[in-house]
């Protein structure tokens, strides 16, 4: 199964364009404040899944420890 997925990911990596047209236009415009705002927005979007998963893992571990006692 893994042998079939490797070529897919290699070929898929070359085809995919990861930026939307608006994000690309903002970055290419050369306006530093807008590009900085875009980077800040990306960081905010990136941190929330980690917070949610961390909170979920905390409660799972807490529940598992309570079951052992």
PDB file of N, CA and C in Angstrom:
ATOM      1  N   UNK A   1       0.822  -1.194   0.000  1.00  0.00           N
ATOM      2  CA  UNK A   1       0.000   0.000   0.000  1.00  0.00           C
ATOM      3  C   UNK A   1       0.867   1.260   0.000  1.00  0.00           C
ATOM      4  N   UNK A   2       1.936   1.262   0.815  1.00  0.00           N
ATOM      5  CA  UNK A   2       2.809   2.428   0.879  1.00  0.00           C
ATOM      6  C   UNK A   2       3.499   2.684  -0.454  1.00  0.00           C
ATOM      7  N   UNK A   3       3.805   1.618  -1.170  1.00  0.00           N
ATOM      8  CA  UNK A   3       4.471   1.777  -2.456  1.00  0.00           C
ATOM      9  C   UNK A   3       3.583   2.491  -3.465  1.00  0.00           C
ATOM     10  N   UNK A   4       2.284   2.356  -3.307  1.00  0.00           N
ATOM     11  CA  UNK A   4       1.362   3.026  -4.209  1.00  0.00           C
ATOM     12  C   UNK A   4       1.184   4.499  -3.862  1.00  0.00           C
ATOM     13  N   UNK A   5       1.328   4.846  -2.594  1.00  0.00           N
ATOM     14  CA  UNK A   5       1.116   6.227  -2.163  1.00  0.00           C
ATOM     15  C   UNK A   5       2.301   7.142  -2.447  1.00  0.00           C
ATOM     16  N   UNK A   6       3.503   6.597  -2.433  1.00  0.00           N
ATOM     17  CA  UNK A   6       4.697   7.424  -2.629  1.00  0.00           C
ATOM     18  C   UNK A   6       4.685   8.141  -3.978  1.00  0.00           C
ATOM     19  N   UNK A   7       4.458   7.447  -5.098  1.00  0.00           N
ATOM     20  CA  UNK A   7       4.414   8.178  -6.381  1.00  0.00           C
ATOM     21  C   UNK A   7       3.286   9.210  -6.434  1.00  0.00           C
ATOM     22  N   UNK A   8       2.165   8.900  -5.807  1.00  0.00           N
ATOM     23  CA  UNK A   8       1.052   9.849  -5.786  1.00  0.00           C
ATOM     24  C   UNK A   8       1.449  11.144  -5.106  1.00  0.00           C
ATOM     25  N   UNK A   9       2.125  11.054  -3.959  1.00  0.00           N
ATOM     26  CA  UNK A   9       2.526  12.254  -3.237  1.00  0.00           C
ATOM     27  C   UNK A   9       3.618  13.012  -3.987  1.00  0.00           C
ATOM     28  N   UNK A  10       4.528  12.297  -4.620  1.00  0.00           N
ATOM     29  CA  UNK A  10       5.589  12.966  -5.375  1.00  0.00           C
ATOM     30  C   UNK A  10       5.005  13.719  -6.562  1.00  0.00           C
ATOM     31  N   UNK A  11       4.116  13.087  -7.306  1.00  0.00           N
ATOM     32  CA  UNK A  11       3.505  13.742  -8.459  1.00  0.00           C
ATOM     33  C   UNK A  11       2.530  14.833  -8.023  1.00  0.00           C
ATOM     34  N   UNK A  12       1.801  14.606  -6.955  1.00  0.00           N
ATOM     35  CA  UNK A  12       0.850  15.586  -6.460  1.00  0.00           C
ATOM     36  C   UNK A  12       1.532  16.836  -5.948  1.00  0.00           C
ATOM     37  N   UNK A  13       2.725  16.690  -5.416  1.00  0.00           N
ATOM     38  CA  UNK A  13       3.458  17.827  -4.872  1.00  0.00           C
ATOM     39  C   UNK A  13       3.829  18.814  -5.971  1.00  0.00           C
ATOM     40  N   UNK A  14       4.146  18.316  -7.146  1.00  0.00           N
ATOM     41  CA  UNK A  14       4.548  19.187  -8.239  1.00  0.00           C
ATOM     42  C   UNK A  14       3.356  19.909  -8.864  1.00  0.00           C
ATOM     43  N   UNK A  15       2.179  19.357  -8.784  1.00  0.00           N
ATOM     44  CA  UNK A  15       1.008  19.917  -9.438  1.00  0.00           C
ATOM     45  C   UNK A  15       0.317  20.971  -8.569  1.00  0.00           C
ATOM     46  N   UNK A  16       0.333  20.801  -7.264  1.00  0.00           N
ATOM     47  CA  UNK A  16      -0.451  21.632  -6.355  1.00  0.00           C
ATOM     48  C   UNK A  16       0.133  23.033  -6.237  1.00  0.00           C
ATOM     49  N   UNK A  17      -0.741  24.040  -6.317  1.00  0.00           N
ATOM     50  CA  UNK A  17      -0.363  25.421  -6.051  1.00  0.00           C
ATOM     51  C   UNK A  17      -1.059  25.807  -4.752  1.00  0.00           C
ATOM     52  N   UNK A  18      -0.286  26.089  -3.694  1.00  0.00           N
ATOM     53  CA  UNK A  18      -0.837  26.188  -2.350  1.00  0.00           C
ATOM     54  C   UNK A  18      -1.396  27.563  -1.995  1.00  0.00           C
ATOM     55  N   UNK A  19      -1.312  28.534  -2.875  1.00  0.00           N
ATOM     56  CA  UNK A  19      -1.808  29.858  -2.530  1.00  0.00           C
ATOM     57  C   UNK A  19      -3.021  30.207  -3.375  1.00  0.00           C
ATOM     58  N   UNK A  20      -3.963  30.876  -2.741  1.00  0.00           N
ATOM     59  CA  UNK A  20      -5.084  31.395  -3.515  1.00  0.00           C
ATOM     60  C   UNK A  20      -4.626  32.658  -4.249  1.00  0.00           C
ATOM     61  N   UNK A  21      -5.395  33.103  -5.196  1.00  0.00           N
ATOM     62  CA  UNK A  21      -5.010  34.256  -6.012  1.00  0.00           C
ATOM     63  C   UNK A  21      -4.889  35.528  -5.176  1.00  0.00           C
ATOM     64  N   UNK A  22      -5.777  35.719  -4.218  1.00  0.00           N
ATOM     65  CA  UNK A  22      -5.740  36.939  -3.402  1.00  0.00           C
ATOM     66  C   UNK A  22      -4.505  36.964  -2.498  1.00  0.00           C
ATOM     67  N   UNK A  23      -4.181  35.842  -1.891  1.00  0.00           N
ATOM     68  CA  UNK A  23      -3.004  35.791  -1.008  1.00  0.00           C
ATOM     69  C   UNK A  23      -1.734  36.043  -1.815  1.00  0.00           C
ATOM     70  N   UNK A  24      -1.667  35.442  -2.981  1.00  0.00           N
ATOM     71  CA  UNK A  24      -0.493  35.617  -3.838  1.00  0.00           C
ATOM     72  C   UNK A  24      -0.366  37.077  -4.266  1.00  0.00           C
ATOM     73  N   UNK A  25      -1.470  37.727  -4.590  1.00  0.00           N
ATOM     74  CA  UNK A  25      -1.434  39.127  -5.005  1.00  0.00           C
ATOM     75  C   UNK A  25      -0.973  40.032  -3.867  1.00  0.00           C
ATOM     76  N   UNK A  26      -1.401  39.753  -2.649  1.00  0.00           N
ATOM     77  CA  UNK A  26      -0.995  40.568  -1.493  1.00  0.00           C
ATOM     78  C   UNK A  26       0.494  40.441  -1.255  1.00  0.00           C
ATOM     79  N   UNK A  27       1.011  39.231  -1.318  1.00  0.00           N
ATOM     80  CA  UNK A  27       2.429  39.013  -1.054  1.00  0.00           C
ATOM     81  C   UNK A  27       3.277  39.619  -2.161  1.00  0.00           C
ATOM     82  N   UNK A  28       2.844  39.501  -3.404  1.00  0.00           N
ATOM     83  CA  UNK A  28       3.621  40.011  -4.522  1.00  0.00           C
ATOM     84  C   UNK A  28       3.523  41.524  -4.669  1.00  0.00           C
ATOM     85  N   UNK A  29       2.558  42.172  -4.020  1.00  0.00           N
ATOM     86  CA  UNK A  29       2.391  43.616  -4.167  1.00  0.00           C
ATOM     87  C   UNK A  29       3.526  44.401  -3.523  1.00  0.00           C
ATOM     88  N   UNK A  30       4.216  43.805  -2.586  1.00  0.00           N
ATOM     89  CA  UNK A  30       5.342  44.475  -1.952  1.00  0.00           C
ATOM     90  C   UNK A  30       4.947  45.323  -0.754  1.00  0.00           C
ATOM     91  N   UNK A  31       3.671  45.362  -0.398  1.00  0.00           N
ATOM     92  CA  UNK A  31       3.219  46.120   0.758  1.00  0.00           C
ATOM     93  C   UNK A  31       3.524  45.303   2.011  1.00  0.00           C
ATOM     94  N   UNK A  32       4.481  45.770   2.797  1.00  0.00           N
ATOM     95  CA  UNK A  32       4.964  44.992   3.944  1.00  0.00           C
ATOM     96  C   UNK A  32       3.902  44.836   5.024  1.00  0.00           C
ATOM     97  N   UNK A  33       3.085  45.856   5.256  1.00  0.00           N
ATOM     98  CA  UNK A  33       2.104  45.765   6.330  1.00  0.00           C
ATOM     99  C   UNK A  33       1.019  44.732   5.996  1.00  0.00           C
ATOM    100  N   UNK A  34       0.606  44.669   4.740  1.00  0.00           N
ATOM    101  CA  UNK A  34      -0.402  43.675   4.353  1.00  0.00           C
ATOM    102  C   UNK A  34       0.174  42.268   4.406  1.00  0.00           C
ATOM    103  N   UNK A  35       1.417  42.099   3.983  1.00  0.00           N
ATOM    104  CA  UNK A  35       2.056  40.788   4.044  1.00  0.00           C
ATOM    105  C   UNK A  35       2.233  40.342   5.496  1.00  0.00           C
ATOM    106  N   UNK A  36       2.562  41.285   6.366  1.00  0.00           N
ATOM    107  CA  UNK A  36       2.707  40.964   7.795  1.00  0.00           C
ATOM    108  C   UNK A  36       1.362  40.569   8.388  1.00  0.00           C
ATOM    109  N   UNK A  37       0.303  41.262   7.992  1.00  0.00           N
ATOM    110  CA  UNK A  37      -1.039  40.907   8.449  1.00  0.00           C
ATOM    111  C   UNK A  37      -1.447  39.522   7.977  1.00  0.00           C
ATOM    112  N   UNK A  38      -1.076  39.181   6.762  1.00  0.00           N
ATOM    113  CA  UNK A  38      -1.363  37.848   6.240  1.00  0.00           C
ATOM    114  C   UNK A  38      -0.638  36.781   7.051  1.00  0.00           C
ATOM    115  N   UNK A  39       0.623  37.036   7.371  1.00  0.00           N
ATOM    116  CA  UNK A  39       1.388  36.081   8.176  1.00  0.00           C
ATOM    117  C   UNK A  39       0.796  35.933   9.577  1.00  0.00           C
ATOM    118  N   UNK A  40       0.353  37.026  10.173  1.00  0.00           N
ATOM    119  CA  UNK A  40      -0.269  36.971  11.494  1.00  0.00           C
ATOM    120  C   UNK A  40      -1.562  36.163  11.441  1.00  0.00           C
ATOM    121  N   UNK A  41      -2.349  36.369  10.400  1.00  0.00           N
ATOM    122  CA  UNK A  41      -3.588  35.603  10.239  1.00  0.00           C
ATOM    123  C   UNK A  41      -3.323  34.117  10.100  1.00  0.00           C
ATOM    124  N   UNK A  42      -2.271  33.768   9.374  1.00  0.00           N
ATOM    125  CA  UNK A  42      -1.910  32.359   9.219  1.00  0.00           C
ATOM    126  C   UNK A  42      -1.521  31.763  10.567  1.00  0.00           C
ATOM    127  N   UNK A  43      -0.783  32.519  11.375  1.00  0.00           N
ATOM    128  CA  UNK A  43      -0.402  32.023  12.700  1.00  0.00           C
ATOM    129  C   UNK A  43      -1.614  31.806  13.590  1.00  0.00           C
ATOM    130  N   UNK A  44      -2.588  32.725  13.541  1.00  0.00           N
ATOM    131  CA  UNK A  44      -3.812  32.547  14.325  1.00  0.00           C
ATOM    132  C   UNK A  44      -4.571  31.306  13.871  1.00  0.00           C
ATOM    133  N   UNK A  45      -4.661  31.111  12.579  1.00  0.00           N
ATOM    134  CA  UNK A  45      -5.363  29.931  12.070  1.00  0.00           C
ATOM    135  C   UNK A  45      -4.629  28.639  12.419  1.00  0.00           C
ATOM    136  N   UNK A  46      -3.311  28.713  12.520  1.00  0.00           N
ATOM    137  CA  UNK A  46      -2.519  27.526  12.790  1.00  0.00           C
ATOM    138  C   UNK A  46      -2.567  27.117  14.264  1.00  0.00           C
ATOM    139  N   UNK A  47      -2.706  28.071  15.173  1.00  0.00           N
ATOM    140  CA  UNK A  47      -2.589  27.758  16.594  1.00  0.00           C
ATOM    141  C   UNK A  47      -3.852  27.115  17.173  1.00  0.00           C
ATOM    142  N   UNK A  48      -5.019  27.434  16.643  1.00  0.00           N
ATOM    143  CA  UNK A  48      -6.255  26.920  17.231  1.00  0.00           C
ATOM    144  C   UNK A  48      -6.403  25.398  17.147  1.00  0.00           C
ATOM    145  N   UNK A  49      -6.047  24.739  16.055  1.00  0.00           N
ATOM    146  CA  UNK A  49      -6.120  23.274  16.073  1.00  0.00           C
ATOM    147  C   UNK A  49      -5.216  22.650  17.132  1.00  0.00           C
ATOM    148  N   UNK A  50      -4.036  23.235  17.351  1.00  0.00           N
ATOM    149  CA  UNK A  50      -3.141  22.711  18.383  1.00  0.00           C
ATOM    150  C   UNK A  50      -3.747  22.885  19.775  1.00  0.00           C
ATOM    151  N   UNK A  51      -4.381  24.008  20.013  1.00  0.00           N
ATOM    152  CA  UNK A  51      -5.039  24.232  21.308  1.00  0.00           C
ATOM    153  C   UNK A  51      -6.169  23.226  21.507  1.00  0.00           C
ATOM    154  N   UNK A  52      -6.977  23.022  20.481  1.00  0.00           N
ATOM    155  CA  UNK A  52      -8.100  22.080  20.599  1.00  0.00           C
ATOM    156  C   UNK A  52      -7.613  20.647  20.818  1.00  0.00           C
ATOM    157  N   UNK A  53      -6.618  20.223  20.057  1.00  0.00           N
ATOM    158  CA  UNK A  53      -6.102  18.858  20.208  1.00  0.00           C
ATOM    159  C   UNK A  53      -5.426  18.701  21.565  1.00  0.00           C
ATOM    160  N   UNK A  54      -4.680  19.707  22.002  1.00  0.00           N
ATOM    161  CA  UNK A  54      -4.028  19.645  23.315  1.00  0.00           C
ATOM    162  C   UNK A  54      -5.037  19.538  24.443  1.00  0.00           C
ATOM    163  N   UNK A  55      -6.121  20.314  24.356  1.00  0.00           N
ATOM    164  CA  UNK A  55      -7.171  20.251  25.372  1.00  0.00           C
ATOM    165  C   UNK A  55      -7.840  18.882  25.376  1.00  0.00           C
ATOM    166  N   UNK A  56      -8.117  18.357  24.201  1.00  0.00           N
ATOM    167  CA  UNK A  56      -8.723  17.032  24.096  1.00  0.00           C
ATOM    168  C   UNK A  56      -7.809  15.966  24.698  1.00  0.00           C
ATOM    169  N   UNK A  57      -6.521  16.009  24.369  1.00  0.00           N
ATOM    170  CA  UNK A  57      -5.578  15.037  24.932  1.00  0.00           C
ATOM    171  C   UNK A  57      -5.472  15.170  26.446  1.00  0.00           C
ATOM    172  N   UNK A  58      -5.512  16.391  26.966  1.00  0.00           N
ATOM    173  CA  UNK A  58      -5.463  16.598  28.408  1.00  0.00           C
ATOM    174  C   UNK A  58      -6.622  15.884  29.101  1.00  0.00           C
ATOM    175  N   UNK A  59      -7.832  16.059  28.564  1.00  0.00           N
ATOM    176  CA  UNK A  59      -8.991  15.433  29.192  1.00  0.00           C
ATOM    177  C   UNK A  59      -8.986  13.915  29.015  1.00  0.00           C
ATOM    178  N   UNK A  60      -8.464  13.427  27.902  1.00  0.00           N
ATOM    179  CA  UNK A  60      -8.365  11.971  27.709  1.00  0.00           C
ATOM    180  C   UNK A  60      -7.387  11.383  28.715  1.00  0.00           C
ATOM    181  N   UNK A  61      -6.233  12.014  28.877  1.00  0.00           N
ATOM    182  CA  UNK A  61      -5.237  11.514  29.831  1.00  0.00           C
ATOM    183  C   UNK A  61      -5.786  11.591  31.252  1.00  0.00           C
ATOM    184  N   UNK A  62      -6.460  12.680  31.569  1.00  0.00           N
ATOM    185  CA  UNK A  62      -7.057  12.828  32.895  1.00  0.00           C
ATOM    186  C   UNK A  62      -8.090  11.728  33.144  1.00  0.00           C
ATOM    187  N   UNK A  63      -8.902  11.423  32.143  1.00  0.00           N
ATOM    188  CA  UNK A  63      -9.918  10.372  32.272  1.00  0.00           C
ATOM    189  C   UNK A  63      -9.266   8.996  32.422  1.00  0.00           C
ATOM    190  N   UNK A  64      -8.217   8.720  31.648  1.00  0.00           N
ATOM    191  CA  UNK A  64      -7.521   7.427  31.734  1.00  0.00           C
ATOM    192  C   UNK A  64      -6.861   7.230  33.095  1.00  0.00           C
ATOM    193  N   UNK A  65      -6.264   8.284  33.630  1.00  0.00           N
ATOM    194  CA  UNK A  65      -5.639   8.182  34.958  1.00  0.00           C
ATOM    195  C   UNK A  65      -6.687   7.944  36.040  1.00  0.00           C
ATOM    196  N   UNK A  66      -7.851   8.554  35.897  1.00  0.00           N
ATOM    197  CA  UNK A  66      -8.930   8.363  36.858  1.00  0.00           C
ATOM    198  C   UNK A  66      -9.454   6.928  36.811  1.00  0.00           C
ATOM    199  N   UNK A  67      -9.452   6.325  35.642  1.00  0.00           N
ATOM    200  CA  UNK A  67      -9.910   4.940  35.496  1.00  0.00           C
ATOM    201  C   UNK A  67      -8.949   3.944  36.150  1.00  0.00           C
ATOM    202  N   UNK A  68      -7.657   4.246  36.178  1.00  0.00           N
ATOM    203  CA  UNK A  68      -6.660   3.351  36.761  1.00  0.00           C
ATOM    204  C   UNK A  68      -6.754   3.290  38.276  1.00  0.00           C
ATOM    205  N   UNK A  69      -7.208   4.356  38.902  1.00  0.00           N
ATOM    206  CA  UNK A  69      -7.238   4.424  40.374  1.00  0.00           C
ATOM    207  C   UNK A  69      -8.372   3.650  40.927  1.00  0.00           C
TER     208      UNK A  69
END
